Amino acid sequence: MDPNSSPAQAGDALLVVDMQRDFMPGGSLAVPDAQRLVAPLNRWLRRFAADALPVCASRDWHPPHHVSFIADGGPWPAHCVAGTDGAAFAEGLALPADAFIASKGSRTDVDSYSAFGGTALDAELRGLAVRRLCVGGVATEFCVLHTVLDARRLGYAVLLLGDSVAAFDEVAGAQALRTMRNAGATLWEPPR
């Protein structure tokens, strides 16, 4: 499926995972090369809009003192605090106004890498009769991985958009891609 030439299918939804400013270059938890994903994701967004297919986006939406933050005993620097500039979607990302937003990690004591964790995403997708998720975003070995694994566990087909994911670590990212494929996700790579 090429976002410029092949229409997405009825029953598909696009899921953009955690494309937030704190994960972009200069952010508090930057994923290397994450800004390069904006252009291909925007092509996918245009394709889905042209075919009137649903778009969803997940975001970390943490309280100021969150279990995942180093200062509160977690592994990560403070990031994506609800309502801050760092929690806003990446500059230039053209999410439609009617995109369903799944806010995760909003409780102080609970973290969630998956877009399905503690959100209404599954109910929204089932209400729209979605059968396949086309997934892109960050980071491959964390939130993308856990989202895809949950999607498969919940019975969705998954098309992982290979031009639209980025990892913190290249080796861990490659392992995550293998894990997702082993779980039944299909990896789409742009034509060369």
Protein backbone atom coordinates (compact mmCIF):
# COMPACT_ATOMS: atom_id res chain seq x y z
CA MET A 1 0.00 0.00 0.00
CA ASP A 2 1.51 3.29 -1.10
CA PRO A 3 -0.02 6.38 0.53
CA ASN A 4 0.36 8.29 -2.71
CA SER A 5 -1.24 5.79 -5.08
CA SER A 6 -3.19 2.99 -3.37
CA PRO A 7 -6.29 3.76 -1.37
CA ALA A 8 -6.53 2.39 2.12
CA GLN A 9 -9.24 -0.20 2.58
CA ALA A 10 -12.66 0.02 4.17
CA GLY A 11 -12.25 -1.16 7.76
CA ASP A 12 -8.84 0.49 8.16
CA ALA A 13 -7.89 3.18 10.66
CA LEU A 14 -4.63 5.11 10.90
CA LEU A 15 -3.07 5.21 14.38
CA VAL A 16 -0.34 7.79 15.01
CA VAL A 17 1.56 6.85 18.18
CA ASP A 18 2.96 9.53 20.50
CA MET A 19 4.18 12.05 17.91
CA GLN A 20 4.69 14.71 20.59
CA ARG A 21 7.18 17.55 20.94
CA ASP A 22 9.03 16.00 23.88
CA PHE A 23 9.89 13.03 21.63
CA MET A 24 11.16 15.27 18.82
CA PRO A 25 14.71 16.67 18.53
CA GLY A 26 15.30 19.11 21.39
CA GLY A 27 12.57 17.53 23.51
CA SER A 28 13.16 16.15 27.00
CA LEU A 29 13.01 12.53 25.73
CA ALA A 30 13.99 12.91 22.08
CA VAL A 31 13.85 9.93 19.73
CA PRO A 32 16.69 10.26 17.19
CA ASP A 33 15.39 11.25 13.76
CA ALA A 34 11.75 11.41 14.92
CA GLN A 35 11.08 14.67 13.07
CA ARG A 36 11.61 12.86 9.76
CA LEU A 37 8.38 10.94 10.42
CA VAL A 38 6.17 14.01 10.07
CA ALA A 39 6.31 14.08 6.25
CA PRO A 40 5.42 10.39 5.65
CA LEU A 41 2.77 10.47 8.38
CA ASN A 42 1.23 13.54 6.74
CA ARG A 43 1.06 11.61 3.45
CA TRP A 44 -0.79 8.82 5.25
CA LEU A 45 -3.07 11.37 6.93
CA ARG A 46 -3.96 12.87 3.54
CA ARG A 47 -4.65 9.41 2.11
CA PHE A 48 -6.96 8.47 4.97
CA ALA A 49 -8.75 11.82 4.74
CA ALA A 50 -9.23 11.38 0.98
CA ASP A 51 -10.84 7.99 1.61
CA ALA A 52 -12.89 9.26 4.61
CA LEU A 53 -11.28 6.66 6.88
CA PRO A 54 -10.76 7.20 10.63
CA VAL A 55 -7.63 8.61 12.18
CA CYS A 56 -6.59 8.09 15.80
CA ALA A 57 -3.59 9.39 17.71
CA SER A 58 -2.19 8.42 21.08
CA ARG A 59 -0.32 10.73 23.40
CA ASP A 60 1.41 10.55 26.75
CA TRP A 61 -0.56 12.88 29.01
CA HIS A 62 1.27 12.68 32.31
CA PRO A 63 0.63 14.48 35.59
CA PRO A 64 3.57 16.58 36.88
CA HIS A 65 4.69 13.78 39.24
CA HIS A 66 4.41 10.52 37.32
CA VAL A 67 5.66 7.06 38.22
CA SER A 68 7.72 6.92 35.02
CA PHE A 69 9.76 10.06 35.82
CA ILE A 70 13.28 9.73 37.27
CA ALA A 71 12.41 12.17 40.07
CA ASP A 72 9.57 9.85 41.09
CA GLY A 73 11.55 6.60 40.84
CA GLY A 74 10.97 5.83 37.15
CA PRO A 75 13.37 5.34 34.23
CA TRP A 76 12.59 8.48 32.17
CA PRO A 77 13.16 12.21 32.43
CA ALA A 78 9.95 14.20 32.91
CA HIS A 79 8.14 14.33 29.57
CA CYS A 80 4.75 15.02 28.01
CA VAL A 81 3.26 16.64 31.11
CA ALA A 82 -0.41 17.28 30.35
CA GLY A 83 -1.09 20.73 28.97
CA THR A 84 2.57 21.68 28.41
CA ASP A 85 4.26 22.49 25.10
CA GLY A 86 6.18 19.22 25.34
CA ALA A 87 2.94 17.25 25.37
CA ALA A 88 1.63 18.97 22.22
CA PHE A 89 1.72 17.09 18.96
CA ALA A 90 4.82 17.53 16.80
CA GLU A 91 5.12 20.72 14.83
CA GLY A 92 3.82 20.26 11.30
CA LEU A 93 1.87 17.05 12.03
CA ALA A 94 -1.45 17.54 10.24
CA LEU A 95 -3.85 15.59 12.43
CA PRO A 96 -7.45 16.21 11.38
CA ALA A 97 -9.73 18.04 13.82
CA ASP A 98 -11.93 14.95 14.16
CA ALA A 99 -9.08 12.54 15.01
CA PHE A 100 -9.79 10.42 18.07
CA ILE A 101 -7.15 11.19 20.73
CA ALA A 102 -6.21 8.43 23.20
CA SER A 103 -4.51 10.03 26.22
CA LYS A 104 -2.47 7.54 28.23
CA GLY A 105 -0.39 7.59 31.39
CA SER A 106 -2.69 10.20 32.93
CA ARG A 107 -2.71 8.62 36.40
CA THR A 108 0.18 9.40 38.72
CA ASP A 109 0.71 5.76 39.74
CA VAL A 110 0.19 3.94 36.43
CA ASP A 111 2.29 4.02 33.27
CA SER A 112 1.21 2.71 29.90
CA TYR A 113 3.26 2.26 26.78
CA SER A 114 0.28 0.97 24.82
CA ALA A 115 -2.27 3.31 23.23
CA PHE A 116 -4.88 0.83 24.49
CA GLY A 117 -3.76 1.07 28.14
CA GLY A 118 -6.42 2.83 30.19
CA THR A 119 -7.95 4.54 27.15
CA ALA A 120 -11.16 4.20 25.15
CA LEU A 121 -9.27 3.41 21.93
CA ASP A 122 -10.55 -0.16 21.57
CA ALA A 123 -14.17 0.92 22.12
CA GLU A 124 -13.75 3.72 19.57
CA LEU A 125 -12.29 1.39 16.95
CA ARG A 126 -14.97 -1.25 17.48
CA GLY A 127 -17.64 1.44 17.23
CA LEU A 128 -16.20 2.37 13.83
CA ALA A 129 -16.03 -1.29 12.70
CA VAL A 130 -12.23 -1.04 12.28
CA ARG A 131 -10.58 -4.35 11.42
CA ARG A 132 -7.05 -3.23 10.56
CA LEU A 133 -4.78 -0.61 12.12
CA CYS A 134 -2.11 1.15 10.09
CA VAL A 135 0.43 2.21 12.72
CA GLY A 136 3.27 4.74 12.75
CA GLY A 137 4.99 6.88 15.39
CA VAL A 138 7.48 6.59 18.24
CA ALA A 139 9.25 4.89 19.78
CA THR A 140 9.46 1.59 17.91
CA GLU A 141 10.72 -0.46 20.85
CA PHE A 142 8.36 1.02 23.44
CA CYS A 143 4.98 2.58 22.67
CA VAL A 144 4.72 1.35 19.07
CA LEU A 145 5.68 -2.20 20.12
CA HIS A 146 3.23 -2.38 23.04
CA THR A 147 0.43 -0.79 21.01
CA VAL A 148 0.88 -3.27 18.16
CA LEU A 149 1.07 -6.26 20.50
CA ASP A 150 -2.13 -5.15 22.25
CA ALA A 151 -3.83 -4.56 18.89
CA ARG A 152 -2.97 -8.10 17.81
CA ARG A 153 -4.12 -9.52 21.16
CA LEU A 154 -7.42 -7.67 20.68
CA GLY A 155 -7.87 -9.22 17.23
CA TYR A 156 -6.93 -6.35 14.91
CA ALA A 157 -4.85 -6.87 11.82
CA VAL A 158 -1.88 -4.51 11.89
CA LEU A 159 0.02 -2.85 9.06
CA LEU A 160 3.17 -1.32 10.51
CA LEU A 161 4.23 1.67 8.41
CA GLY A 162 7.96 1.12 8.04
CA ASP A 163 8.61 4.66 6.76
CA SER A 164 6.81 6.15 9.76
CA VAL A 165 8.45 4.64 12.86
CA ALA A 166 11.62 5.56 14.73
CA ALA A 167 13.44 3.97 17.68
CA PHE A 168 15.60 5.26 20.51
CA ASP A 169 18.08 2.49 19.75
CA GLU A 170 18.61 0.91 16.34
CA VAL A 171 19.26 -2.61 17.66
CA ALA A 172 16.31 -2.55 20.06
CA GLY A 173 14.14 -1.09 17.28
CA ALA A 174 15.07 -3.91 14.91
CA GLN A 175 14.28 -6.49 17.61
CA ALA A 176 10.91 -4.80 18.22
CA LEU A 177 10.11 -5.01 14.49
CA ARG A 178 10.86 -8.75 14.57
CA THR A 179 8.66 -9.18 17.66
CA MET A 180 5.76 -7.35 16.01
CA ARG A 181 6.10 -9.38 12.82
CA ASN A 182 6.22 -12.59 14.85
CA ALA A 183 2.97 -11.47 16.51
CA GLY A 184 1.33 -11.22 13.09
CA ALA A 185 1.85 -7.58 12.14
CA THR A 186 2.69 -6.90 8.49
CA LEU A 187 5.58 -4.51 7.86
CA TRP A 188 4.99 -2.13 4.94
CA GLU A 189 8.12 -0.62 3.41
CA PRO A 190 8.03 2.17 0.82
CA PRO A 191 8.91 1.17 -2.74
CA ARG A 192 12.55 1.85 -3.57
